[in-house]
Amino acid sequence: MYKRIVTHSDFDGVASAVICAYALKINFIVFTQPRTVTDAQISITGEDVVCDLPYPLECGMWFDHHEGNLEDLEYRKIDPASIPGCFEIKNSCARVIYDYFRNNKELPEYYAEMVDEADIIDSFDYKNIEDWRKETPGKIIDCTIKLSEQSFQQKWQYLKSLVLLLKDRPIREVALLPGVKKRYHKFQAEEQQMIDKIRDDIYFLPEDNQKQLMIIDLTKYKKIPRIMKHLAYLIYPDALGVLQVGNMYHNQIKTNNLSLSMSLSLNLNNVEHNKDVGEIMRQLNIGNGHAGAASGVIYCDSKNEMLKTKDRILREVFSQFKQQ
């Protein structure tokens, strides 16, 4: 009945595809990004099972866990209960699928550890920075997925091989395979390069006397820089949050529009606080998100406007962050 799995190209998407491939006996898998589905740039039919992505115009089954995608359905006046599959707000889409199928199918016992890792990785649910940096089978495989590739085709091929491996083996075994370990070591070298780049581009606003909010400014780059902003906490572990600002790119060409991405430190998970970066984005009417992570976009007509807007918005964000 179903011929293809269309899933997100991250660890949760891979784990989701593993369970669906086993439960529905499907070997044809396509990896893509949410924007591709939202913009209808990929053809999806009633023979497709869609995982960890926005609901398309049509599909055979749909599994997801993102609150934003639920809001989109409400806007389109679509009842998620009417869609074959399952939508639930959980830490990972893999968890949604795992709970859905294990009620009526016998799944391998070793899938439980893979899903537990997907919960933590996709929701960034680490106790602190030390917990985040701990080497686990899921963390190793997640890093191999994040390794830069020469082409999308190479990445998709690797992701497909991961699905086949994880479908038949425990995640701990897959993480120890020579090919996986080789990619992991390559990513560690890339990660160090990113840390060095962040160290060059990170600063605090003059009014931020306590160094609460790290700013990573990427607007000087002509090409899209490869950065993972969470690595900033390895440089300033006592900071409470990080705000990354950079230009948006269209067809890899730099525009004057600004993109902001913000998140809270994992150290705040252990204390009571009122910080909510999603609320900051909503208050400034530039974006949306959750309490711990959010993003926004600001459109500018010229470089001069972009620079002035950047300085203003950074100070407005910090002002709200400090007042919370």
Protein backbone atom coordinates (compact mmCIF):
# COMPACT_ATOMS: atom_id res chain seq x y z
CA MET A 1 0.00 0.00 0.00
CA TYR A 2 2.77 2.42 0.95
CA LYS A 3 5.83 2.57 -1.26
CA ARG A 4 8.02 5.36 0.08
CA ILE A 5 9.08 7.07 3.31
CA VAL A 6 9.71 10.82 3.14
CA THR A 7 11.50 11.97 6.27
CA HIS A 8 13.60 14.75 7.78
CA SER A 9 17.36 14.60 7.19
CA ASP A 10 18.37 14.63 10.86
CA PHE A 11 18.78 12.01 13.60
CA ASP A 12 15.08 12.05 14.49
CA GLY A 13 14.17 11.66 10.83
CA VAL A 14 16.51 8.69 10.50
CA ALA A 15 15.14 7.02 13.66
CA SER A 16 11.59 7.65 12.43
CA ALA A 17 12.39 6.07 9.07
CA VAL A 18 13.92 3.03 10.80
CA ILE A 19 10.71 2.23 12.66
CA CYS A 20 8.45 2.89 9.67
CA ALA A 21 10.68 0.85 7.37
CA TYR A 22 10.48 -2.11 9.76
CA ALA A 23 6.80 -1.84 10.62
CA LEU A 24 5.55 -1.13 7.08
CA LYS A 25 8.22 -3.09 5.18
CA ILE A 26 9.34 -0.13 3.06
CA ASN A 27 12.90 0.23 1.76
CA PHE A 28 12.48 3.31 -0.48
CA ILE A 29 13.40 6.34 1.62
CA VAL A 30 13.73 10.02 0.69
CA PHE A 31 15.31 12.62 2.97
CA THR A 32 14.42 16.29 2.79
CA GLN A 33 13.98 19.52 4.75
CA PRO A 34 10.76 21.04 6.17
CA ARG A 35 10.93 24.05 3.84
CA THR A 36 10.96 21.76 0.81
CA VAL A 37 7.63 20.27 1.92
CA THR A 38 6.14 23.64 2.90
CA ASP A 39 7.00 25.12 -0.49
CA ALA A 40 5.72 21.99 -2.29
CA GLN A 41 9.10 21.50 -3.96
CA ILE A 42 8.86 17.73 -3.56
CA SER A 43 6.11 15.54 -5.02
CA ILE A 44 4.30 13.57 -2.29
CA THR A 45 1.39 11.23 -2.98
CA GLY A 46 -0.99 8.93 -1.14
CA GLU A 47 1.61 6.16 -1.40
CA ASP A 48 4.06 8.09 0.82
CA VAL A 49 4.60 7.95 4.58
CA VAL A 50 5.78 11.36 5.81
CA CYS A 51 7.78 11.63 9.05
CA ASP A 52 8.99 14.59 11.13
CA LEU A 53 7.96 17.13 8.48
CA PRO A 54 5.08 19.58 7.90
CA TYR A 55 1.88 18.04 6.60
CA PRO A 56 1.92 18.14 2.78
CA LEU A 57 -1.05 18.58 0.48
CA GLU A 58 -1.46 14.80 0.33
CA CYS A 59 0.14 11.67 1.79
CA GLY A 60 -0.70 8.13 2.87
CA MET A 61 0.36 8.48 6.52
CA TRP A 62 1.78 11.41 8.50
CA PHE A 63 3.74 11.31 11.75
CA ASP A 64 4.92 14.44 13.52
CA HIS A 65 5.48 16.11 16.89
CA HIS A 66 6.08 19.82 16.13
CA GLU A 67 3.66 22.28 17.71
CA GLY A 68 4.21 24.74 14.87
CA ASN A 69 2.98 22.18 12.34
CA LEU A 70 -0.15 21.67 14.42
CA GLU A 71 -0.80 25.41 14.32
CA ASP A 72 -0.45 25.27 10.54
CA LEU A 73 -3.12 22.55 10.38
CA GLU A 74 -5.44 24.64 12.54
CA TYR A 75 -4.92 27.59 10.19
CA ARG A 76 -5.77 25.34 7.25
CA LYS A 77 -8.79 24.01 9.20
CA ILE A 78 -7.53 20.43 9.06
CA ASP A 79 -8.19 18.11 11.99
CA PRO A 80 -4.97 16.11 12.67
CA ALA A 81 -7.13 13.22 13.90
CA SER A 82 -8.52 12.90 10.36
CA ILE A 83 -5.05 12.22 8.93
CA PRO A 84 -3.88 8.57 8.85
CA GLY A 85 -0.86 8.18 11.11
CA CYS A 86 -0.33 10.07 14.36
CA PHE A 87 0.43 13.56 15.64
CA GLU A 88 1.44 14.06 19.25
CA ILE A 89 3.54 16.71 20.94
CA LYS A 90 6.42 14.60 22.24
CA ASN A 91 10.18 15.02 22.45
CA SER A 92 10.75 13.31 19.11
CA CYS A 93 8.84 12.08 16.09
CA ALA A 94 10.53 8.71 16.60
CA ARG A 95 8.75 8.50 19.96
CA VAL A 96 5.39 9.23 18.30
CA ILE A 97 5.97 6.48 15.72
CA TYR A 98 7.40 4.00 18.22
CA ASP A 99 4.40 4.36 20.55
CA TYR A 100 2.01 4.14 17.59
CA PHE A 101 3.35 0.88 16.16
CA ARG A 102 4.28 -0.99 19.33
CA ASN A 103 0.61 -1.16 20.27
CA ASN A 104 -0.10 -3.50 17.36
CA LYS A 105 3.29 -4.71 16.06
CA GLU A 106 6.21 -6.48 17.68
CA LEU A 107 9.20 -4.18 17.33
CA PRO A 108 12.83 -5.13 18.11
CA GLU A 109 13.64 -4.47 21.76
CA TYR A 110 16.78 -2.55 20.83
CA TYR A 111 14.70 0.19 19.17
CA ALA A 112 13.91 1.52 22.67
CA GLU A 113 17.46 2.84 23.18
CA MET A 114 17.46 4.50 19.75
CA VAL A 115 14.16 6.25 20.53
CA ASP A 116 15.41 7.34 23.97
CA GLU A 117 18.40 8.96 22.27
CA ALA A 118 16.14 10.62 19.68
CA ASP A 119 14.08 12.13 22.50
CA ILE A 120 17.15 13.75 24.04
CA ILE A 121 18.85 14.84 20.82
CA ASP A 122 15.81 16.30 19.08
CA SER A 123 14.53 18.21 22.14
CA PHE A 124 18.07 19.11 23.27
CA ASP A 125 17.05 17.75 26.66
CA TYR A 126 20.43 17.64 28.37
CA LYS A 127 20.89 18.26 32.09
CA ASN A 128 23.89 20.54 31.63
CA ILE A 129 26.80 21.24 29.32
CA GLU A 130 28.73 18.22 30.61
CA ASP A 131 25.77 15.97 29.86
CA TRP A 132 25.53 17.44 26.36
CA ARG A 133 29.18 16.71 25.65
CA LYS A 134 28.99 13.11 26.88
CA GLU A 135 29.72 10.56 24.15
CA THR A 136 26.76 8.24 23.62
CA PRO A 137 25.85 6.00 20.65
CA GLY A 138 23.16 8.44 19.58
CA LYS A 139 25.46 11.44 19.94
CA ILE A 140 28.13 9.72 17.82
CA ILE A 141 25.66 8.95 15.03
CA ASP A 142 24.09 12.42 15.23
CA CYS A 143 27.53 13.95 14.72
CA THR A 144 28.15 11.75 11.67
CA ILE A 145 24.88 13.06 10.21
CA LYS A 146 26.01 16.66 10.79
CA LEU A 147 29.31 16.09 8.98
CA SER A 148 29.55 18.34 5.93
CA GLU A 149 29.34 16.61 2.55
CA GLN A 150 30.50 17.44 -0.96
CA SER A 151 26.96 16.92 -2.24
CA PHE A 152 23.42 16.28 -1.04
CA GLN A 153 23.51 12.95 -2.82
CA GLN A 154 26.40 11.78 -0.66
CA LYS A 155 24.57 12.73 2.52
CA TRP A 156 21.31 11.10 1.44
CA GLN A 157 23.20 7.89 0.60
CA TYR A 158 24.78 7.84 4.04
CA LEU A 159 21.44 8.46 5.73
CA LYS A 160 19.88 5.58 3.80
CA SER A 161 22.71 3.29 4.88
CA LEU A 162 22.12 4.33 8.51
CA VAL A 163 18.44 3.39 8.26
CA LEU A 164 19.32 -0.08 6.96
CA LEU A 165 21.92 -0.57 9.69
CA LEU A 166 19.75 0.67 12.56
CA LYS A 167 16.79 -1.37 11.36
CA ASP A 168 18.67 -4.63 11.98
CA ARG A 169 21.20 -3.75 14.70
CA PRO A 170 21.24 -2.05 18.11
CA ILE A 171 22.38 1.56 18.00
CA ARG A 172 25.40 0.71 20.18
CA GLU A 173 26.68 -1.70 17.53
CA VAL A 174 26.14 0.75 14.69
CA ALA A 175 28.04 3.49 16.54
CA LEU A 176 31.09 1.21 16.75
CA LEU A 177 31.25 0.37 13.04
CA PRO A 178 34.53 1.54 11.40
CA GLY A 179 32.78 3.70 8.79
CA VAL A 180 30.68 5.45 11.43
CA LYS A 181 33.67 6.04 13.72
CA LYS A 182 35.65 7.46 10.79
CA ARG A 183 32.92 10.01 10.06
CA TYR A 184 32.67 10.84 13.75
CA HIS A 185 36.38 11.66 13.97
CA LYS A 186 36.08 13.84 10.85
CA PHE A 187 33.21 15.73 12.46
CA GLN A 188 35.27 16.31 15.62
CA ALA A 189 37.88 18.08 13.47
CA GLU A 190 35.13 20.16 11.82
CA GLU A 191 33.71 20.97 15.22
CA GLN A 192 37.03 22.36 16.42
CA GLN A 193 37.15 24.59 13.34
CA MET A 194 33.67 25.87 14.20
CA ILE A 195 34.73 26.58 17.77
CA ASP A 196 37.70 28.58 16.47
CA LYS A 197 35.41 30.55 14.12
CA ILE A 198 32.93 31.26 16.91
CA ARG A 199 35.75 32.47 19.14
CA ASP A 200 36.59 35.07 16.46
CA ASP A 201 32.99 36.23 16.01
CA ILE A 202 31.59 36.17 19.54
CA TYR A 203 31.14 39.23 21.76
CA PHE A 204 28.92 40.80 24.42
CA LEU A 205 27.07 44.09 24.13
CA PRO A 206 28.65 46.97 26.13
CA GLU A 207 25.60 47.14 28.40
CA ASP A 208 25.85 43.41 29.15
CA ASN A 209 28.14 43.88 32.17
CA GLN A 210 27.46 40.39 33.53
CA LYS A 211 28.09 38.71 30.16
CA GLN A 212 24.72 36.98 30.11
CA LEU A 213 23.97 36.87 26.38
CA MET A 214 26.61 35.84 23.85
CA ILE A 215 26.32 37.44 20.42
CA ILE A 216 27.64 35.58 17.38
CA ASP A 217 27.70 38.00 14.44
CA LEU A 218 28.09 36.33 11.04
CA THR A 219 27.08 39.29 8.86
CA LYS A 220 30.65 39.88 7.65
CA TYR A 221 30.77 36.64 5.68
CA LYS A 222 30.04 36.56 1.94
CA LYS A 223 29.21 32.85 1.99
CA ILE A 224 27.12 30.91 4.48
CA PRO A 225 29.46 30.06 7.38
CA ARG A 226 29.16 26.63 8.97
CA ILE A 227 28.40 27.27 12.64
CA MET A 228 26.63 25.47 15.48
CA LYS A 229 25.88 28.19 18.01
CA HIS A 230 25.63 25.82 21.00
CA LEU A 231 29.41 25.41 20.78
CA ALA A 232 29.67 28.96 22.15
CA TYR A 233 28.98 27.56 25.63
CA LEU A 234 32.34 25.81 25.50
CA ILE A 235 33.94 29.26 25.28
CA TYR A 236 31.72 31.05 27.82
CA PRO A 237 30.15 28.27 29.93
CA ASP A 238 28.63 30.73 32.45
CA ALA A 239 26.59 32.68 29.88
CA LEU A 240 22.81 32.31 30.08
CA GLY A 241 22.04 32.44 26.37
CA VAL A 242 23.40 32.80 22.85
CA LEU A 243 22.04 34.91 19.99
CA GLN A 244 23.30 34.28 16.47
CA VAL A 245 22.69 36.91 13.80
CA GLY A 246 23.56 36.62 10.13
CA ASN A 247 22.37 37.44 6.66
CA MET A 248 19.85 35.32 4.83
CA TYR A 249 20.95 33.77 1.54
CA HIS A 250 18.91 33.17 -1.61
CA ASN A 251 20.36 30.57 -3.97
CA GLN A 252 23.60 30.93 -1.96
CA ILE A 253 23.68 34.67 -2.67
CA LYS A 254 23.87 36.96 0.35
CA THR A 255 20.91 39.30 0.89
CA ASN A 256 20.38 42.28 3.20
CA ASN A 257 17.76 40.38 5.21
CA LEU A 258 18.69 39.24 8.70
CA SER A 259 18.20 35.87 10.34
CA LEU A 260 18.29 35.48 14.12
CA SER A 261 18.61 32.27 16.12
CA MET A 262 18.57 32.26 19.92
CA SER A 263 18.74 29.65 22.68
CA LEU A 264 19.18 29.33 26.42
CA SER A 265 22.10 27.71 28.21
CA LEU A 266 21.68 24.13 29.35
CA ASN A 267 22.81 25.30 32.79
CA LEU A 268 19.42 26.97 33.22
CA ASN A 269 17.80 23.54 33.16
CA ASN A 270 18.88 23.09 36.78
CA VAL A 271 17.51 26.37 38.17
CA GLU A 272 14.20 28.21 38.27
CA HIS A 273 14.02 31.12 35.85
CA ASN A 274 11.62 33.16 33.72
CA LYS A 275 13.66 33.28 30.53
CA ASP A 276 11.62 32.66 27.37
CA VAL A 277 13.37 33.44 24.08
CA GLY A 278 10.29 32.51 22.05
CA GLU A 279 8.36 35.24 23.86
CA ILE A 280 11.11 37.75 23.02
CA MET A 281 10.76 36.96 19.31
CA ARG A 282 6.98 37.31 19.53
CA GLN A 283 7.16 40.57 21.49
CA LEU A 284 9.48 42.08 18.90
CA ASN A 285 7.28 40.67 16.12
CA ILE A 286 10.22 39.09 14.30
CA GLY A 287 9.67 35.38 14.85
CA ASN A 288 8.56 32.59 17.15
CA GLY A 289 9.80 29.59 19.06
CA HIS A 290 9.89 27.83 22.39
CA ALA A 291 11.08 29.02 25.80
CA GLY A 292 14.53 27.52 25.23
CA ALA A 293 15.02 28.14 21.51
CA ALA A 294 13.59 30.54 18.93
CA SER A 295 14.33 32.24 15.63
CA GLY A 296 13.34 35.34 13.71
CA VAL A 297 13.69 37.13 10.38
CA ILE A 298 13.99 40.84 9.60
CA TYR A 299 13.73 42.16 6.03
CA CYS A 300 15.94 45.10 5.02
CA ASP A 301 16.09 47.04 1.75
CA SER A 302 19.75 48.04 1.88
CA LYS A 303 23.03 47.21 3.55
CA ASN A 304 22.92 50.46 5.50
CA GLU A 305 19.43 49.65 6.79
CA MET A 306 20.57 46.13 7.65
CA LEU A 307 23.49 47.39 9.76
CA LYS A 308 21.35 49.92 11.62
CA THR A 309 18.59 47.37 12.16
CA LYS A 310 21.05 44.78 13.41
CA ASP A 311 22.47 47.12 16.07
CA ARG A 312 18.98 48.13 17.18
CA ILE A 313 17.48 44.65 17.33
CA LEU A 314 20.41 43.17 19.23
CA ARG A 315 19.98 45.76 21.94
CA GLU A 316 16.20 45.28 22.03
CA VAL A 317 16.60 41.52 22.36
CA PHE A 318 19.13 41.89 25.16
CA SER A 319 16.96 44.47 26.95
CA GLN A 320 14.02 42.04 27.02
CA PHE A 321 16.28 39.13 27.92
CA LYS A 322 17.67 41.05 30.91
CA GLN A 323 14.21 42.12 32.10
CA GLN A 324 12.75 38.61 32.10
